[in-house]
């Protein structure tokens, strides 16, 4: 299967079915890389001596970017949850029982410790205290 690899500044960005500027012809039938694998994430590959090979540097970069994206999503979720459940008026807190305050404090602390737990691969999202729903 002939495709045209899109290359800009030495980086593979994808493919085209037709030749265009910044493309080179590539035959996936003569390759060790399947077309299906390539289209999932073309930036993981580089062209070496006319063949596609996994680029270890790009794999590590992609992994780090994905980890950072997941961490950023969790931080954003934490901010949203805190705005909804923690940032309340003093009167709201005065109406809570000590048991509720302890449970809320533990839930909050688990979220505050999230970056460390995430880095250690031990993060488990805490359940929202049932009385908050």
Foldseek 3Di string as FASTA:
>chain_A
DKWWFAADPQFTDATHRDDDPRTDIADQVPAPDHNVNCRVDVRQWGADPNYTDGDVVSVVVVVVVVLVVVVVVLVVVLVVVCVLPPPDDVVVVVPDDPVVVVVVVVLNVLSVCQVVCSVVVNRDRDDDPPVSD
